[in-house]
């Protein structure tokens, strides 16, 4: 997840297990909205609630390779993203999904990105 999404997730109380579930569903072919250009929207349930009243997340996604949570919003706050936002996410996907492992490691170390841990795995401390 990028730094913006990390702050959003913390503020909203989204746990990493719910985020992993969204990616697992995408990997199984269950994508809520494919916006094209390796950008998808996935619903994520509120803690203790269902997906319909939960959150919408924008993910830069390449099946079986990489997924980056870059934006999210409560369903109650807005209906959808704007066309210009969608274009920006597609442009971002072209760049981010082609980063090398070394480039990604640097971004994680600089805290611009944070790895989502599966099922509460402990975070590696540097």
N, C-alpha and C. Protein backbone atom coordinates (compact mmCIF):
# COMPACT_ATOMS: atom_id res chain seq x y z
N UNK A 1 0.85 -1.17 0.00
CA UNK A 1 0.00 0.00 0.00
C UNK A 1 0.89 1.23 0.00
N UNK A 2 0.40 2.30 -0.65
CA UNK A 2 1.18 3.52 -0.62
C UNK A 2 0.93 4.24 0.71
N UNK A 3 1.72 5.28 0.95
CA UNK A 3 1.65 5.98 2.24
C UNK A 3 0.26 6.59 2.47
N UNK A 4 -0.36 7.14 1.41
CA UNK A 4 -1.69 7.72 1.57
C UNK A 4 -2.68 6.64 2.02
N UNK A 5 -2.65 5.49 1.36
CA UNK A 5 -3.60 4.44 1.70
C UNK A 5 -3.33 3.91 3.11
N UNK A 6 -2.08 3.83 3.50
CA UNK A 6 -1.76 3.37 4.86
C UNK A 6 -2.41 4.27 5.90
N UNK A 7 -2.32 5.59 5.70
CA UNK A 7 -2.96 6.52 6.64
C UNK A 7 -4.48 6.34 6.64
N UNK A 8 -5.06 6.20 5.44
CA UNK A 8 -6.50 5.98 5.32
C UNK A 8 -6.91 4.70 6.06
N UNK A 9 -6.18 3.62 5.83
CA UNK A 9 -6.52 2.33 6.46
C UNK A 9 -6.43 2.42 7.98
N UNK A 10 -5.41 3.09 8.47
CA UNK A 10 -5.25 3.25 9.92
C UNK A 10 -6.41 4.05 10.50
N UNK A 11 -6.73 5.16 9.85
CA UNK A 11 -7.82 6.04 10.32
C UNK A 11 -9.15 5.29 10.34
N UNK A 12 -9.39 4.49 9.32
CA UNK A 12 -10.67 3.79 9.20
C UNK A 12 -10.70 2.44 9.92
N UNK A 13 -9.55 2.01 10.44
CA UNK A 13 -9.50 0.74 11.16
C UNK A 13 -9.55 -0.48 10.25
N UNK A 14 -9.09 -0.32 9.01
CA UNK A 14 -9.03 -1.47 8.08
C UNK A 14 -7.85 -2.34 8.46
N UNK A 15 -8.11 -3.60 8.68
CA UNK A 15 -7.00 -4.47 9.02
C UNK A 15 -6.44 -5.16 7.78
N UNK A 16 -5.20 -5.62 7.91
CA UNK A 16 -4.51 -6.20 6.77
C UNK A 16 -5.14 -7.51 6.31
N UNK A 17 -5.82 -8.21 7.20
CA UNK A 17 -6.50 -9.45 6.81
C UNK A 17 -7.60 -9.14 5.80
N UNK A 18 -8.35 -8.06 6.02
CA UNK A 18 -9.41 -7.66 5.08
C UNK A 18 -8.82 -7.27 3.73
N UNK A 19 -7.67 -6.61 3.75
CA UNK A 19 -7.01 -6.23 2.50
C UNK A 19 -6.54 -7.46 1.74
N UNK A 20 -5.95 -8.42 2.46
CA UNK A 20 -5.52 -9.67 1.81
C UNK A 20 -6.71 -10.39 1.19
N UNK A 21 -7.83 -10.38 1.89
CA UNK A 21 -9.04 -11.05 1.37
C UNK A 21 -9.44 -10.43 0.03
N UNK A 22 -9.36 -9.11 -0.09
CA UNK A 22 -9.70 -8.44 -1.35
C UNK A 22 -8.80 -8.91 -2.48
N UNK A 23 -7.52 -9.09 -2.21
CA UNK A 23 -6.59 -9.55 -3.24
C UNK A 23 -6.83 -11.02 -3.56
N UNK A 24 -7.09 -11.82 -2.54
CA UNK A 24 -7.38 -13.24 -2.79
C UNK A 24 -8.60 -13.40 -3.68
N UNK A 25 -9.64 -12.60 -3.45
CA UNK A 25 -10.83 -12.65 -4.30
C UNK A 25 -10.49 -12.24 -5.74
N UNK A 26 -9.66 -11.22 -5.89
CA UNK A 26 -9.25 -10.80 -7.23
C UNK A 26 -8.48 -11.91 -7.93
N UNK A 27 -7.62 -12.59 -7.20
CA UNK A 27 -6.84 -13.69 -7.78
C UNK A 27 -7.76 -14.83 -8.23
N UNK A 28 -8.89 -14.98 -7.58
CA UNK A 28 -9.86 -16.01 -7.96
C UNK A 28 -10.79 -15.54 -9.08
N UNK A 29 -10.56 -14.31 -9.55
CA UNK A 29 -11.39 -13.78 -10.63
C UNK A 29 -12.58 -12.97 -10.18
N UNK A 30 -12.73 -12.78 -8.89
CA UNK A 30 -13.86 -12.02 -8.36
C UNK A 30 -13.43 -10.56 -8.15
N UNK A 31 -13.57 -9.78 -9.21
CA UNK A 31 -13.19 -8.37 -9.18
C UNK A 31 -14.47 -7.55 -9.26
N UNK A 32 -14.62 -6.62 -8.33
CA UNK A 32 -15.84 -5.80 -8.30
C UNK A 32 -15.95 -4.89 -9.52
N UNK A 33 -14.84 -4.27 -9.93
CA UNK A 33 -14.86 -3.43 -11.13
C UNK A 33 -13.45 -3.39 -11.72
N UNK A 34 -13.34 -3.80 -12.98
CA UNK A 34 -12.08 -3.72 -13.70
C UNK A 34 -12.12 -2.44 -14.52
N UNK A 35 -11.31 -1.46 -14.16
CA UNK A 35 -11.31 -0.17 -14.83
C UNK A 35 -10.39 -0.15 -16.04
N UNK A 36 -9.69 -1.25 -16.28
CA UNK A 36 -8.75 -1.32 -17.39
C UNK A 36 -7.41 -0.74 -16.98
N UNK A 37 -6.39 -1.00 -17.78
CA UNK A 37 -5.07 -0.45 -17.50
C UNK A 37 -4.47 -0.94 -16.20
N UNK A 38 -4.86 -2.14 -15.77
CA UNK A 38 -4.37 -2.75 -14.52
C UNK A 38 -4.83 -2.00 -13.28
N UNK A 39 -6.02 -1.42 -13.35
CA UNK A 39 -6.62 -0.74 -12.21
C UNK A 39 -7.96 -1.41 -11.92
N UNK A 40 -8.13 -1.83 -10.66
CA UNK A 40 -9.39 -2.45 -10.25
C UNK A 40 -9.93 -1.76 -9.01
N UNK A 41 -11.23 -1.93 -8.81
CA UNK A 41 -11.86 -1.51 -7.57
C UNK A 41 -12.35 -2.77 -6.86
N UNK A 42 -12.08 -2.83 -5.58
CA UNK A 42 -12.54 -3.94 -4.76
C UNK A 42 -13.23 -3.38 -3.52
N UNK A 43 -14.31 -4.02 -3.15
CA UNK A 43 -14.97 -3.67 -1.89
C UNK A 43 -14.24 -4.37 -0.75
N UNK A 44 -14.15 -3.69 0.37
CA UNK A 44 -13.55 -4.25 1.58
C UNK A 44 -14.53 -4.01 2.71
N UNK A 45 -14.81 -5.05 3.46
CA UNK A 45 -15.78 -4.96 4.55
C UNK A 45 -15.24 -4.14 5.72
N UNK A 46 -16.17 -3.46 6.38
CA UNK A 46 -15.83 -2.81 7.65
C UNK A 46 -15.59 -3.91 8.67
N UNK A 47 -14.79 -3.63 9.66
CA UNK A 47 -14.56 -4.58 10.74
C UNK A 47 -15.90 -4.88 11.40
N UNK A 48 -16.27 -6.14 11.43
CA UNK A 48 -17.52 -6.56 12.03
C UNK A 48 -18.74 -6.32 11.15
N UNK A 49 -18.53 -5.93 9.90
CA UNK A 49 -19.66 -5.64 9.01
C UNK A 49 -19.48 -6.28 7.66
N UNK A 50 -20.38 -5.99 6.77
CA UNK A 50 -20.33 -6.54 5.43
C UNK A 50 -19.68 -5.59 4.44
N UNK A 51 -19.51 -6.08 3.21
CA UNK A 51 -18.86 -5.28 2.18
C UNK A 51 -19.76 -4.18 1.64
N UNK A 52 -21.08 -4.39 1.63
CA UNK A 52 -21.97 -3.41 0.99
C UNK A 52 -21.91 -2.04 1.67
N UNK A 53 -21.73 -2.00 2.96
CA UNK A 53 -21.64 -0.73 3.67
C UNK A 53 -20.21 -0.38 4.04
N UNK A 54 -19.27 -1.02 3.42
CA UNK A 54 -17.87 -0.85 3.79
C UNK A 54 -17.14 0.17 2.94
N UNK A 55 -16.00 -0.25 2.45
CA UNK A 55 -15.09 0.64 1.73
C UNK A 55 -14.90 0.20 0.30
N UNK A 56 -14.54 1.17 -0.53
CA UNK A 56 -14.14 0.89 -1.90
C UNK A 56 -12.65 1.19 -1.98
N UNK A 57 -11.90 0.28 -2.55
CA UNK A 57 -10.47 0.49 -2.69
C UNK A 57 -10.08 0.46 -4.15
N UNK A 58 -9.10 1.25 -4.50
CA UNK A 58 -8.53 1.25 -5.84
C UNK A 58 -7.17 0.56 -5.73
N UNK A 59 -6.99 -0.44 -6.58
CA UNK A 59 -5.79 -1.27 -6.52
C UNK A 59 -5.15 -1.31 -7.89
N UNK A 60 -3.85 -1.08 -7.93
CA UNK A 60 -3.07 -1.29 -9.15
C UNK A 60 -2.74 -2.77 -9.12
N UNK A 61 -3.16 -3.50 -10.14
CA UNK A 61 -3.19 -4.95 -10.01
C UNK A 61 -2.73 -5.66 -11.28
N UNK A 62 -1.76 -6.53 -11.11
CA UNK A 62 -1.34 -7.44 -12.18
C UNK A 62 -1.42 -8.85 -11.59
N UNK A 63 -2.37 -9.63 -12.11
CA UNK A 63 -2.68 -10.96 -11.58
C UNK A 63 -1.42 -11.79 -11.36
N UNK A 64 -1.38 -12.42 -10.21
CA UNK A 64 -0.31 -13.32 -9.79
C UNK A 64 1.06 -12.66 -9.71
N UNK A 65 1.10 -11.33 -9.77
CA UNK A 65 2.39 -10.65 -9.69
C UNK A 65 2.44 -9.60 -8.60
N UNK A 66 1.60 -8.56 -8.75
CA UNK A 66 1.66 -7.44 -7.83
C UNK A 66 0.29 -6.80 -7.65
N UNK A 67 0.13 -6.23 -6.47
CA UNK A 67 -1.09 -5.48 -6.17
C UNK A 67 -0.71 -4.35 -5.21
N UNK A 68 -1.16 -3.15 -5.52
CA UNK A 68 -0.87 -1.98 -4.70
C UNK A 68 -2.17 -1.26 -4.37
N UNK A 69 -2.49 -1.17 -3.08
CA UNK A 69 -3.63 -0.37 -2.64
C UNK A 69 -3.17 1.09 -2.69
N UNK A 70 -3.89 1.92 -3.46
CA UNK A 70 -3.46 3.31 -3.60
C UNK A 70 -4.52 4.33 -3.19
N UNK A 71 -5.78 3.90 -3.08
CA UNK A 71 -6.83 4.84 -2.72
C UNK A 71 -8.00 4.07 -2.14
N UNK A 72 -8.71 4.72 -1.23
CA UNK A 72 -9.89 4.10 -0.65
C UNK A 72 -10.85 5.16 -0.16
N UNK A 73 -12.10 4.76 -0.02
CA UNK A 73 -13.10 5.68 0.50
C UNK A 73 -14.27 4.88 1.05
N UNK A 74 -14.93 5.42 2.09
CA UNK A 74 -16.14 4.76 2.58
C UNK A 74 -17.24 4.92 1.54
N UNK A 75 -18.01 3.89 1.33
CA UNK A 75 -19.12 3.93 0.37
C UNK A 75 -20.07 5.06 0.71
N UNK A 76 -20.21 5.34 1.99
CA UNK A 76 -21.13 6.39 2.43
C UNK A 76 -20.62 7.80 2.09
N UNK A 77 -19.34 7.94 1.79
CA UNK A 77 -18.75 9.26 1.54
C UNK A 77 -18.85 9.70 0.09
N UNK A 78 -18.79 8.74 -0.82
CA UNK A 78 -18.89 9.07 -2.24
C UNK A 78 -19.29 7.85 -3.03
N UNK A 79 -19.89 8.07 -4.17
CA UNK A 79 -20.40 6.96 -4.97
C UNK A 79 -19.31 6.30 -5.80
N UNK A 80 -18.37 7.11 -6.32
CA UNK A 80 -17.38 6.55 -7.23
C UNK A 80 -16.22 7.52 -7.36
N UNK A 81 -15.21 7.12 -8.13
CA UNK A 81 -14.12 8.02 -8.43
C UNK A 81 -14.46 8.78 -9.72
N UNK A 82 -13.83 9.91 -9.91
CA UNK A 82 -14.04 10.74 -11.09
C UNK A 82 -13.19 10.22 -12.26
N UNK A 83 -13.57 10.62 -13.47
CA UNK A 83 -12.85 10.19 -14.68
C UNK A 83 -11.38 10.60 -14.64
N UNK A 84 -11.10 11.82 -14.17
CA UNK A 84 -9.71 12.28 -14.12
C UNK A 84 -8.90 11.47 -13.10
N UNK A 85 -9.53 11.06 -12.02
CA UNK A 85 -8.86 10.21 -11.04
C UNK A 85 -8.54 8.84 -11.66
N UNK A 86 -9.51 8.30 -12.38
CA UNK A 86 -9.30 7.01 -13.04
C UNK A 86 -8.12 7.09 -14.01
N UNK A 87 -8.05 8.15 -14.79
CA UNK A 87 -6.92 8.33 -15.72
C UNK A 87 -5.60 8.39 -14.96
N UNK A 88 -5.59 9.11 -13.84
CA UNK A 88 -4.37 9.23 -13.04
C UNK A 88 -3.95 7.87 -12.48
N UNK A 89 -4.91 7.08 -12.02
CA UNK A 89 -4.58 5.75 -11.50
C UNK A 89 -4.02 4.85 -12.60
N UNK A 90 -4.54 4.96 -13.80
CA UNK A 90 -4.03 4.15 -14.91
C UNK A 90 -2.60 4.56 -15.25
N UNK A 91 -2.34 5.84 -15.22
CA UNK A 91 -0.97 6.32 -15.47
C UNK A 91 -0.04 5.83 -14.37
N UNK A 92 -0.51 5.90 -13.14
CA UNK A 92 0.28 5.42 -12.00
C UNK A 92 0.57 3.93 -12.14
N UNK A 93 -0.42 3.15 -12.59
CA UNK A 93 -0.24 1.70 -12.73
C UNK A 93 0.88 1.38 -13.72
N UNK A 94 0.93 2.12 -14.82
CA UNK A 94 2.00 1.88 -15.80
C UNK A 94 3.37 2.01 -15.16
N UNK A 95 3.50 2.98 -14.29
CA UNK A 95 4.79 3.21 -13.64
C UNK A 95 5.05 2.20 -12.51
N UNK A 96 4.13 2.13 -11.57
CA UNK A 96 4.34 1.35 -10.35
C UNK A 96 4.46 -0.16 -10.63
N UNK A 97 3.62 -0.68 -11.52
CA UNK A 97 3.66 -2.12 -11.77
C UNK A 97 4.92 -2.55 -12.51
N UNK A 98 5.68 -1.60 -13.03
CA UNK A 98 6.91 -1.94 -13.73
C UNK A 98 8.17 -1.63 -12.92
N UNK A 99 8.00 -1.28 -11.65
CA UNK A 99 9.16 -1.06 -10.80
C UNK A 99 9.89 -2.37 -10.57
N UNK A 100 11.19 -2.29 -10.49
CA UNK A 100 11.99 -3.49 -10.19
C UNK A 100 11.88 -3.82 -8.70
N UNK A 101 12.26 -5.03 -8.34
CA UNK A 101 12.26 -5.41 -6.93
C UNK A 101 13.15 -4.48 -6.12
N UNK A 102 14.29 -4.10 -6.67
CA UNK A 102 15.21 -3.19 -5.98
C UNK A 102 14.56 -1.83 -5.76
N UNK A 103 13.88 -1.32 -6.77
CA UNK A 103 13.19 -0.04 -6.63
C UNK A 103 12.09 -0.13 -5.57
N UNK A 104 11.36 -1.23 -5.56
CA UNK A 104 10.30 -1.41 -4.56
C UNK A 104 10.88 -1.48 -3.15
N UNK A 105 11.98 -2.19 -3.00
CA UNK A 105 12.62 -2.28 -1.68
C UNK A 105 13.00 -0.89 -1.17
N UNK A 106 13.52 -0.05 -2.06
CA UNK A 106 13.89 1.32 -1.66
C UNK A 106 12.66 2.10 -1.24
N UNK A 107 11.56 1.94 -1.97
CA UNK A 107 10.32 2.64 -1.63
C UNK A 107 9.75 2.17 -0.29
N UNK A 108 9.89 0.90 -0.01
CA UNK A 108 9.43 0.37 1.29
C UNK A 108 10.33 0.91 2.40
N UNK A 109 11.62 0.91 2.18
CA UNK A 109 12.55 1.43 3.21
C UNK A 109 12.31 2.91 3.47
N UNK A 110 11.95 3.66 2.43
CA UNK A 110 11.70 5.09 2.61
C UNK A 110 10.27 5.36 3.10
N UNK A 111 9.50 4.30 3.30
CA UNK A 111 8.12 4.36 3.82
C UNK A 111 7.12 4.97 2.85
N UNK A 112 7.47 5.01 1.56
CA UNK A 112 6.50 5.45 0.57
C UNK A 112 5.50 4.34 0.27
N UNK A 113 5.93 3.11 0.48
CA UNK A 113 5.07 1.94 0.37
C UNK A 113 5.25 1.08 1.61
N UNK A 114 4.22 0.32 1.93
CA UNK A 114 4.29 -0.62 3.05
C UNK A 114 3.69 -1.93 2.58
N UNK A 115 4.35 -3.01 2.92
CA UNK A 115 3.85 -4.32 2.53
C UNK A 115 2.68 -4.73 3.41
N UNK A 116 1.64 -5.23 2.79
CA UNK A 116 0.49 -5.76 3.53
C UNK A 116 0.84 -7.18 3.92
N UNK A 117 0.70 -7.47 5.21
CA UNK A 117 1.05 -8.79 5.73
C UNK A 117 -0.17 -9.69 5.76
N UNK A 118 0.03 -10.94 5.41
CA UNK A 118 -1.05 -11.93 5.38
C UNK A 118 -1.32 -12.47 6.78
N UNK A 119 -2.58 -12.51 7.14
CA UNK A 119 -3.04 -13.14 8.38
C UNK A 119 -2.23 -12.74 9.61
N UNK A 120 -1.96 -11.45 9.72
CA UNK A 120 -1.30 -10.95 10.92
C UNK A 120 0.17 -11.29 11.04
N UNK A 121 0.84 -11.66 9.94
CA UNK A 121 2.27 -11.93 10.02
C UNK A 121 2.95 -10.71 10.63
N UNK A 122 4.00 -10.95 11.37
CA UNK A 122 4.72 -9.84 11.98
C UNK A 122 5.47 -9.07 10.91
N UNK A 123 5.51 -7.77 11.11
CA UNK A 123 6.21 -6.90 10.19
C UNK A 123 7.71 -7.00 10.46
N UNK A 124 8.49 -6.96 9.40
CA UNK A 124 9.94 -6.99 9.54
C UNK A 124 10.38 -5.60 10.00
N UNK A 125 11.08 -5.54 11.09
CA UNK A 125 11.57 -4.26 11.62
C UNK A 125 12.96 -4.01 11.09
N UNK A 126 13.20 -2.80 10.65
CA UNK A 126 14.52 -2.44 10.11
C UNK A 126 15.31 -1.71 11.16
